[in-house]
Amino acid sequence: MERTTFLDYYRIRANREGIPHEFSRTGAVIDYKAVDERSGETVALKLIPIASIDSAAREQFEQGARAAERIHHLNIA
């Protein structure tokens, strides 16, 4: 598996065969086991394909993301 880093710090973990460790899937949204390369901590990384959500839901998600951005805590990406 190619080493891909998301948001500059989060790398998806892969199993021995190189397959990404996916632990949950809801529709097009996939949760992966990842590592925060700054702290070495295991984290959950949720990937949401933008094309899979409508514009109103996208705006609501982006508002929530902007609010979460203001929170500074080791356990919150």
PDB file of N, CA and C in Angstrom:
ATOM      1  N   MET A   1       0.846  -1.192   0.000  1.00  0.00           N
ATOM      2  CA  MET A   1       0.000   0.000   0.000  1.00  0.00           C
ATOM      3  C   MET A   1       0.881   1.242   0.000  1.00  0.00           C
ATOM      4  N   GLU A   2       0.537   2.186  -0.837  1.00  0.00           N
ATOM      5  CA  GLU A   2       1.255   3.448  -0.873  1.00  0.00           C
ATOM      6  C   GLU A   2       1.004   4.190   0.430  1.00  0.00           C
ATOM      7  N   ARG A   3       2.043   4.810   0.985  1.00  0.00           N
ATOM      8  CA  ARG A   3       1.896   5.553   2.241  1.00  0.00           C
ATOM      9  C   ARG A   3       1.263   6.904   1.940  1.00  0.00           C
ATOM     10  N   THR A   4       0.027   7.063   2.369  1.00  0.00           N
ATOM     11  CA  THR A   4      -0.702   8.298   2.135  1.00  0.00           C
ATOM     12  C   THR A   4      -0.942   8.986   3.467  1.00  0.00           C
ATOM     13  N   THR A   5      -0.640  10.270   3.535  1.00  0.00           N
ATOM     14  CA  THR A   5      -0.843  11.047   4.743  1.00  0.00           C
ATOM     15  C   THR A   5      -1.995  12.011   4.506  1.00  0.00           C
ATOM     16  N   PHE A   6      -2.920  12.073   5.474  1.00  0.00           N
ATOM     17  CA  PHE A   6      -4.059  12.964   5.397  1.00  0.00           C
ATOM     18  C   PHE A   6      -3.891  14.097   6.396  1.00  0.00           C
ATOM     19  N   LEU A   7      -4.241  15.296   6.001  1.00  0.00           N
ATOM     20  CA  LEU A   7      -4.179  16.478   6.852  1.00  0.00           C
ATOM     21  C   LEU A   7      -2.793  16.650   7.468  1.00  0.00           C
ATOM     22  N   ASP A   8      -1.767  16.282   6.750  1.00  0.00           N
ATOM     23  CA  ASP A   8      -0.363  16.427   7.116  1.00  0.00           C
ATOM     24  C   ASP A   8       0.118  15.525   8.255  1.00  0.00           C
ATOM     25  N   TYR A   9      -0.773  14.890   9.023  1.00  0.00           N
ATOM     26  CA  TYR A   9      -0.329  14.165  10.211  1.00  0.00           C
ATOM     27  C   TYR A   9      -0.863  12.755  10.368  1.00  0.00           C
ATOM     28  N   TYR A  10      -1.905  12.383   9.666  1.00  0.00           N
ATOM     29  CA  TYR A  10      -2.595  11.118   9.943  1.00  0.00           C
ATOM     30  C   TYR A  10      -2.337  10.105   8.843  1.00  0.00           C
ATOM     31  N   ARG A  11      -1.814   8.945   9.221  1.00  0.00           N
ATOM     32  CA  ARG A  11      -1.502   7.895   8.262  1.00  0.00           C
ATOM     33  C   ARG A  11      -2.365   6.673   8.571  1.00  0.00           C
ATOM     34  N   ILE A  12      -3.051   6.175   7.550  1.00  0.00           N
ATOM     35  CA  ILE A  12      -3.899   4.993   7.710  1.00  0.00           C
ATOM     36  C   ILE A  12      -3.017   3.777   7.927  1.00  0.00           C
ATOM     37  N   ARG A  13      -3.382   2.965   8.923  1.00  0.00           N
ATOM     38  CA  ARG A  13      -2.646   1.732   9.184  1.00  0.00           C
ATOM     39  C   ARG A  13      -3.086   0.653   8.203  1.00  0.00           C
ATOM     40  N   ALA A  14      -2.163  -0.227   7.890  1.00  0.00           N
ATOM     41  CA  ALA A  14      -2.458  -1.330   6.973  1.00  0.00           C
ATOM     42  C   ALA A  14      -2.135  -2.647   7.676  1.00  0.00           C
ATOM     43  N   ASN A  15      -2.807  -3.718   7.237  1.00  0.00           N
ATOM     44  CA  ASN A  15      -2.513  -5.035   7.795  1.00  0.00           C
ATOM     45  C   ASN A  15      -1.275  -5.611   7.112  1.00  0.00           C
ATOM     46  N   ARG A  16      -0.946  -6.856   7.422  1.00  0.00           N
ATOM     47  CA  ARG A  16       0.269  -7.489   6.872  1.00  0.00           C
ATOM     48  C   ARG A  16       0.258  -7.569   5.351  1.00  0.00           C
ATOM     49  N   GLU A  17      -0.939  -7.661   4.765  1.00  0.00           N
ATOM     50  CA  GLU A  17      -1.056  -7.743   3.307  1.00  0.00           C
ATOM     51  C   GLU A  17      -1.016  -6.368   2.648  1.00  0.00           C
ATOM     52  N   GLY A  18      -0.922  -5.316   3.440  1.00  0.00           N
ATOM     53  CA  GLY A  18      -0.880  -3.964   2.897  1.00  0.00           C
ATOM     54  C   GLY A  18      -2.245  -3.348   2.654  1.00  0.00           C
ATOM     55  N   ILE A  19      -3.297  -4.003   3.148  1.00  0.00           N
ATOM     56  CA  ILE A  19      -4.664  -3.508   2.968  1.00  0.00           C
ATOM     57  C   ILE A  19      -4.997  -2.548   4.108  1.00  0.00           C
ATOM     58  N   PRO A  20      -5.554  -1.374   3.811  1.00  0.00           N
ATOM     59  CA  PRO A  20      -5.915  -0.423   4.869  1.00  0.00           C
ATOM     60  C   PRO A  20      -6.849  -1.055   5.898  1.00  0.00           C
ATOM     61  N   HIS A  21      -6.613  -0.749   7.193  1.00  0.00           N
ATOM     62  CA  HIS A  21      -7.430  -1.303   8.272  1.00  0.00           C
ATOM     63  C   HIS A  21      -8.729  -0.498   8.382  1.00  0.00           C
ATOM     64  N   GLU A  22      -9.755  -0.990   7.737  1.00  0.00           N
ATOM     65  CA  GLU A  22     -11.078  -0.361   7.742  1.00  0.00           C
ATOM     66  C   GLU A  22     -11.876  -0.998   8.870  1.00  0.00           C
ATOM     67  N   PHE A  23     -12.413  -0.180   9.800  1.00  0.00           N
ATOM     68  CA  PHE A  23     -13.175  -0.792  10.874  1.00  0.00           C
ATOM     69  C   PHE A  23     -14.650  -0.441  10.862  1.00  0.00           C
ATOM     70  N   SER A  24     -15.071   0.427   9.952  1.00  0.00           N
ATOM     71  CA  SER A  24     -16.492   0.750   9.869  1.00  0.00           C
ATOM     72  C   SER A  24     -16.780   1.356   8.499  1.00  0.00           C
ATOM     73  N   ARG A  25     -17.969   1.068   7.995  1.00  0.00           N
ATOM     74  CA  ARG A  25     -18.401   1.650   6.718  1.00  0.00           C
ATOM     75  C   ARG A  25     -19.895   1.921   6.822  1.00  0.00           C
ATOM     76  N   THR A  26     -20.281   3.161   6.533  1.00  0.00           N
ATOM     77  CA  THR A  26     -21.682   3.547   6.508  1.00  0.00           C
ATOM     78  C   THR A  26     -21.917   4.263   5.189  1.00  0.00           C
ATOM     79  N   GLY A  27     -22.518   3.567   4.244  1.00  0.00           N
ATOM     80  CA  GLY A  27     -22.690   4.135   2.907  1.00  0.00           C
ATOM     81  C   GLY A  27     -21.332   4.382   2.282  1.00  0.00           C
ATOM     82  N   ALA A  28     -21.087   5.619   1.852  1.00  0.00           N
ATOM     83  CA  ALA A  28     -19.816   5.968   1.219  1.00  0.00           C
ATOM     84  C   ALA A  28     -18.759   6.388   2.246  1.00  0.00           C
ATOM     85  N   VAL A  29     -19.159   6.553   3.512  1.00  0.00           N
ATOM     86  CA  VAL A  29     -18.244   7.001   4.564  1.00  0.00           C
ATOM     87  C   VAL A  29     -17.496   5.796   5.134  1.00  0.00           C
ATOM     88  N   ILE A  30     -16.167   5.912   5.207  1.00  0.00           N
ATOM     89  CA  ILE A  30     -15.344   4.822   5.707  1.00  0.00           C
ATOM     90  C   ILE A  30     -14.505   5.316   6.879  1.00  0.00           C
ATOM     91  N   ASP A  31     -14.506   4.532   7.977  1.00  0.00           N
ATOM     92  CA  ASP A  31     -13.655   4.813   9.131  1.00  0.00           C
ATOM     93  C   ASP A  31     -12.457   3.885   9.074  1.00  0.00           C
ATOM     94  N   TYR A  32     -11.271   4.474   9.194  1.00  0.00           N
ATOM     95  CA  TYR A  32     -10.034   3.716   9.167  1.00  0.00           C
ATOM     96  C   TYR A  32      -9.301   3.853  10.492  1.00  0.00           C
ATOM     97  N   LYS A  33      -8.530   2.837  10.830  1.00  0.00           N
ATOM     98  CA  LYS A  33      -7.606   2.935  11.949  1.00  0.00           C
ATOM     99  C   LYS A  33      -6.383   3.650  11.393  1.00  0.00           C
ATOM    100  N   ALA A  34      -5.955   4.703  12.075  1.00  0.00           N
ATOM    101  CA  ALA A  34      -4.831   5.503  11.603  1.00  0.00           C
ATOM    102  C   ALA A  34      -3.921   5.833  12.775  1.00  0.00           C
ATOM    103  N   VAL A  35      -2.811   6.473  12.479  1.00  0.00           N
ATOM    104  CA  VAL A  35      -1.885   6.906  13.525  1.00  0.00           C
ATOM    105  C   VAL A  35      -1.608   8.395  13.332  1.00  0.00           C
ATOM    106  N   ASP A  36      -1.597   9.108  14.451  1.00  0.00           N
ATOM    107  CA  ASP A  36      -1.217  10.520  14.454  1.00  0.00           C
ATOM    108  C   ASP A  36       0.303  10.526  14.531  1.00  0.00           C
ATOM    109  N   GLU A  37       0.969  10.936  13.472  1.00  0.00           N
ATOM    110  CA  GLU A  37       2.420  10.853  13.423  1.00  0.00           C
ATOM    111  C   GLU A  37       3.119  11.828  14.361  1.00  0.00           C
ATOM    112  N   ARG A  38       2.396  12.819  14.886  1.00  0.00           N
ATOM    113  CA  ARG A  38       3.008  13.744  15.849  1.00  0.00           C
ATOM    114  C   ARG A  38       3.156  13.084  17.205  1.00  0.00           C
ATOM    115  N   SER A  39       2.120  12.341  17.614  1.00  0.00           N
ATOM    116  CA  SER A  39       2.128  11.754  18.958  1.00  0.00           C
ATOM    117  C   SER A  39       2.333  10.248  18.958  1.00  0.00           C
ATOM    118  N   GLY A  40       2.122   9.604  17.807  1.00  0.00           N
ATOM    119  CA  GLY A  40       2.207   8.150  17.747  1.00  0.00           C
ATOM    120  C   GLY A  40       0.939   7.460  18.205  1.00  0.00           C
ATOM    121  N   GLU A  41      -0.088   8.228  18.557  1.00  0.00           N
ATOM    122  CA  GLU A  41      -1.354   7.691  19.054  1.00  0.00           C
ATOM    123  C   GLU A  41      -2.195   7.115  17.920  1.00  0.00           C
ATOM    124  N   THR A  42      -2.929   6.043  18.228  1.00  0.00           N
ATOM    125  CA  THR A  42      -3.881   5.483  17.286  1.00  0.00           C
ATOM    126  C   THR A  42      -5.140   6.338  17.307  1.00  0.00           C
ATOM    127  N   VAL A  43      -5.671   6.649  16.118  1.00  0.00           N
ATOM    128  CA  VAL A  43      -6.864   7.482  15.988  1.00  0.00           C
ATOM    129  C   VAL A  43      -7.812   6.854  14.970  1.00  0.00           C
ATOM    130  N   ALA A  44      -9.041   7.308  14.969  1.00  0.00           N
ATOM    131  CA  ALA A  44     -10.005   6.924  13.943  1.00  0.00           C
ATOM    132  C   ALA A  44     -10.025   8.044  12.913  1.00  0.00           C
ATOM    133  N   LEU A  45      -9.915   7.678  11.652  1.00  0.00           N
ATOM    134  CA  LEU A  45      -9.931   8.657  10.569  1.00  0.00           C
ATOM    135  C   LEU A  45     -11.137   8.369   9.695  1.00  0.00           C
ATOM    136  N   LYS A  46     -12.048   9.314   9.624  1.00  0.00           N
ATOM    137  CA  LYS A  46     -13.280   9.157   8.845  1.00  0.00           C
ATOM    138  C   LYS A  46     -13.116   9.882   7.516  1.00  0.00           C
ATOM    139  N   LEU A  47     -13.242   9.131   6.423  1.00  0.00           N
ATOM    140  CA  LEU A  47     -13.140   9.723   5.091  1.00  0.00           C
ATOM    141  C   LEU A  47     -14.526   9.800   4.471  1.00  0.00           C
ATOM    142  N   ILE A  48     -14.908  11.004   4.091  1.00  0.00           N
ATOM    143  CA  ILE A  48     -16.237  11.255   3.543  1.00  0.00           C
ATOM    144  C   ILE A  48     -16.077  11.809   2.126  1.00  0.00           C
ATOM    145  N   PRO A  49     -16.456  11.038   1.114  1.00  0.00           N
ATOM    146  CA  PRO A  49     -16.373  11.554  -0.258  1.00  0.00           C
ATOM    147  C   PRO A  49     -17.342  12.732  -0.438  1.00  0.00           C
ATOM    148  N   ILE A  50     -16.817  13.877  -0.800  1.00  0.00           N
ATOM    149  CA  ILE A  50     -17.631  15.091  -0.956  1.00  0.00           C
ATOM    150  C   ILE A  50     -18.762  14.870  -1.956  1.00  0.00           C
ATOM    151  N   ALA A  51     -18.511  14.121  -3.005  1.00  0.00           N
ATOM    152  CA  ALA A  51     -19.533  13.897  -4.038  1.00  0.00           C
ATOM    153  C   ALA A  51     -20.723  13.100  -3.513  1.00  0.00           C
ATOM    154  N   SER A  52     -20.560  12.440  -2.355  1.00  0.00           N
ATOM    155  CA  SER A  52     -21.629  11.582  -1.850  1.00  0.00           C
ATOM    156  C   SER A  52     -22.644  12.320  -0.979  1.00  0.00           C
ATOM    157  N   ILE A  53     -22.426  13.604  -0.692  1.00  0.00           N
ATOM    158  CA  ILE A  53     -23.361  14.328   0.173  1.00  0.00           C
ATOM    159  C   ILE A  53     -23.919  15.552  -0.551  1.00  0.00           C
ATOM    160  N   ASP A  54     -25.162  15.909  -0.197  1.00  0.00           N
ATOM    161  CA  ASP A  54     -25.771  17.070  -0.861  1.00  0.00           C
ATOM    162  C   ASP A  54     -25.216  18.365  -0.283  1.00  0.00           C
ATOM    163  N   SER A  55     -25.473  19.476  -0.944  1.00  0.00           N
ATOM    164  CA  SER A  55     -24.863  20.756  -0.572  1.00  0.00           C
ATOM    165  C   SER A  55     -25.272  21.226   0.817  1.00  0.00           C
ATOM    166  N   ALA A  56     -26.515  21.000   1.238  1.00  0.00           N
ATOM    167  CA  ALA A  56     -26.961  21.428   2.571  1.00  0.00           C
ATOM    168  C   ALA A  56     -26.237  20.625   3.654  1.00  0.00           C
ATOM    169  N   ALA A  57     -26.120  19.317   3.466  1.00  0.00           N
ATOM    170  CA  ALA A  57     -25.411  18.475   4.429  1.00  0.00           C
ATOM    171  C   ALA A  57     -23.928  18.832   4.450  1.00  0.00           C
ATOM    172  N   ARG A  58     -23.396  19.163   3.292  1.00  0.00           N
ATOM    173  CA  ARG A  58     -21.980  19.549   3.217  1.00  0.00           C
ATOM    174  C   ARG A  58     -21.738  20.833   3.997  1.00  0.00           C
ATOM    175  N   GLU A  59     -22.602  21.805   3.846  1.00  0.00           N
ATOM    176  CA  GLU A  59     -22.461  23.071   4.578  1.00  0.00           C
ATOM    177  C   GLU A  59     -22.546  22.829   6.086  1.00  0.00           C
ATOM    178  N   GLN A  60     -23.478  21.990   6.514  1.00  0.00           N
ATOM    179  CA  GLN A  60     -23.619  21.669   7.936  1.00  0.00           C
ATOM    180  C   GLN A  60     -22.344  20.975   8.442  1.00  0.00           C
ATOM    181  N   PHE A  61     -21.819  20.048   7.670  1.00  0.00           N
ATOM    182  CA  PHE A  61     -20.589  19.360   8.041  1.00  0.00           C
ATOM    183  C   PHE A  61     -19.421  20.341   8.154  1.00  0.00           C
ATOM    184  N   GLU A  62     -19.316  21.248   7.180  1.00  0.00           N
ATOM    185  CA  GLU A  62     -18.220  22.215   7.197  1.00  0.00           C
ATOM    186  C   GLU A  62     -18.324  23.164   8.387  1.00  0.00           C
ATOM    187  N   GLN A  63     -19.541  23.544   8.787  1.00  0.00           N
ATOM    188  CA  GLN A  63     -19.719  24.382   9.977  1.00  0.00           C
ATOM    189  C   GLN A  63     -19.241  23.640  11.220  1.00  0.00           C
ATOM    190  N   GLY A  64     -19.599  22.365  11.311  1.00  0.00           N
ATOM    191  CA  GLY A  64     -19.143  21.547  12.436  1.00  0.00           C
ATOM    192  C   GLY A  64     -17.630  21.392  12.447  1.00  0.00           C
ATOM    193  N   ALA A  65     -17.049  21.239  11.265  1.00  0.00           N
ATOM    194  CA  ALA A  65     -15.589  21.103  11.156  1.00  0.00           C
ATOM    195  C   ALA A  65     -14.898  22.387  11.589  1.00  0.00           C
ATOM    196  N   ARG A  66     -15.456  23.539  11.202  1.00  0.00           N
ATOM    197  CA  ARG A  66     -14.865  24.816  11.618  1.00  0.00           C
ATOM    198  C   ARG A  66     -14.946  24.980  13.134  1.00  0.00           C
ATOM    199  N   ALA A  67     -16.046  24.551  13.735  1.00  0.00           N
ATOM    200  CA  ALA A  67     -16.179  24.619  15.194  1.00  0.00           C
ATOM    201  C   ALA A  67     -15.175  23.677  15.868  1.00  0.00           C
ATOM    202  N   ALA A  68     -15.041  22.481  15.336  1.00  0.00           N
ATOM    203  CA  ALA A  68     -14.108  21.502  15.905  1.00  0.00           C
ATOM    204  C   ALA A  68     -12.665  21.971  15.761  1.00  0.00           C
ATOM    205  N   GLU A  69     -12.397  22.748  14.724  1.00  0.00           N
ATOM    206  CA  GLU A  69     -11.051  23.258  14.488  1.00  0.00           C
ATOM    207  C   GLU A  69     -10.571  24.140  15.635  1.00  0.00           C
ATOM    208  N   ARG A  70     -11.507  24.772  16.307  1.00  0.00           N
ATOM    209  CA  ARG A  70     -11.154  25.677  17.400  1.00  0.00           C
ATOM    210  C   ARG A  70     -10.874  24.926  18.698  1.00  0.00           C
ATOM    211  N   ILE A  71     -11.162  23.622  18.734  1.00  0.00           N
ATOM    212  CA  ILE A  71     -10.911  22.811  19.923  1.00  0.00           C
ATOM    213  C   ILE A  71      -9.513  22.226  19.820  1.00  0.00           C
ATOM    214  N   HIS A  72      -8.720  22.421  20.840  1.00  0.00           N
ATOM    215  CA  HIS A  72      -7.353  21.897  20.847  1.00  0.00           C
ATOM    216  C   HIS A  72      -7.223  20.851  21.941  1.00  0.00           C
ATOM    217  N   HIS A  73      -7.194  19.603  21.524  1.00  0.00           N
ATOM    218  CA  HIS A  73      -7.067  18.484  22.452  1.00  0.00           C
ATOM    219  C   HIS A  73      -6.389  17.342  21.724  1.00  0.00           C
ATOM    220  N   LEU A  74      -5.551  16.599  22.406  1.00  0.00           N
ATOM    221  CA  LEU A  74      -4.784  15.516  21.799  1.00  0.00           C
ATOM    222  C   LEU A  74      -5.679  14.469  21.141  1.00  0.00           C
ATOM    223  N   ASN A  75      -6.856  14.205  21.702  1.00  0.00           N
ATOM    224  CA  ASN A  75      -7.726  13.155  21.199  1.00  0.00           C
ATOM    225  C   ASN A  75      -8.691  13.603  20.113  1.00  0.00           C
ATOM    226  N   ILE A  76      -8.597  14.849  19.685  1.00  0.00           N
ATOM    227  CA  ILE A  76      -9.489  15.356  18.648  1.00  0.00           C
ATOM    228  C   ILE A  76      -8.646  15.793  17.455  1.00  0.00           C
ATOM    229  N   ALA A  77      -8.919  15.145  16.315  1.00  0.00           N
ATOM    230  CA  ALA A  77      -8.145  15.489  15.104  1.00  0.00           C
ATOM    231  C   ALA A  77      -8.640  16.777  14.507  1.00  0.00           C
TER     232      ALA A  77
END
